[in-house]
């Protein structure tokens, strides 16, 4: 009976309404008394796309619930039925309520350019396969580098005997970047890297400078593509947007399905999927973990992180920090991202012949299990 109802609703909807997400008028529905929050959301929307037209309402009409228009919610809850009918077309941008509000901005933009994104996948997949083939003729292992305090010691090592993948804010350090000369850089955080804060803007400015200095490829989740193609048009040929699937493991995911896992944290979602796609032997540096004295998520290298700009991030996205690093349980995110779930992901990959070696001690138990002292 449920399937019959679902098919009937789909038939009615497709008959009455045109499925055209290219229209740039978005419904913003809010029941908040505080208009300043709504105005702030509008300002952020226009930061990402100045051409968006916003139709503000206090409630949804019957047509709004069935048509194909995209809906932004700010302090407004849609029913489960409406949520199912318009699945993938409703975005919660209330930064006091949704801890992933930063991601919803980009998923909204991605939905608006859905046809172009999908059409682009074949070319990106072919390009990445060619890059892989070329690198595998030169190297049989991969280095992945995080931004923990130990990253400062990476300048003392020679990395030229492997494929090099670095993460996000290493771009702050010109000397280290050029010393490593990475083949890839990855960055996946909507707030820290692709938001409207000074932190994110600083990252993007430094990233542009570093990409000018080397031939590094820039790989990221596909829903950032509509934003990034406008920010970095000069690096269009070196940008590799990869779609995100529904699985939470990374082993052979890019190879078999050309997808990234639907998980948080740059290590799980980008570095491990890419490195295991490129080679069977992965070496990790710069993943120090969270020491007992660390604040927020963990300590990053002062030389490779915009520490002074973090307070603004906390003000712009309060639900994000309150949810992931609550004061009464500051290790919540670390245990979730780098605990048993990561260990199971690594074990799964290891069972198929992959090896993962932590190159220095780490507070992350999952990685410390794979530390091999020289």
Foldseek 3Di string as FASTA:
>chain_A
DVVVVVVVLVVVLVVPEPQALLDQEAEEEEQDPPCVQVVVLVVQLCVQPVPHHYHYDPDDDPNNLRYNHAYEYAHDDDDPVSCVNRPLRYAYLHLVPDLQNLVRSLSSVCSSVVVVLVVCQVVLLVVLVVVLVVQVVQAAAEEEEEFAQQLVVLLVDQQVRHAYEYEFLQLLDLSSCVRNQHQEYEYERSLQAVGDFPNNVVRLVSVQVSVVVHVHAYEYASSCVVRVCVSCVVCVVRYRHFHADDAQAQACCCVPPRHFYPDDDCVRGPVVNVRVVNHQEYEYYHAAAADPPAPAGHHGHPSRGPVVRVVVSCVVRVVNRCVQQNPVRRCRNVCVRQNPSVLVNVVVNVVVRHAYAYDDHHPRPSRNVRYDDD
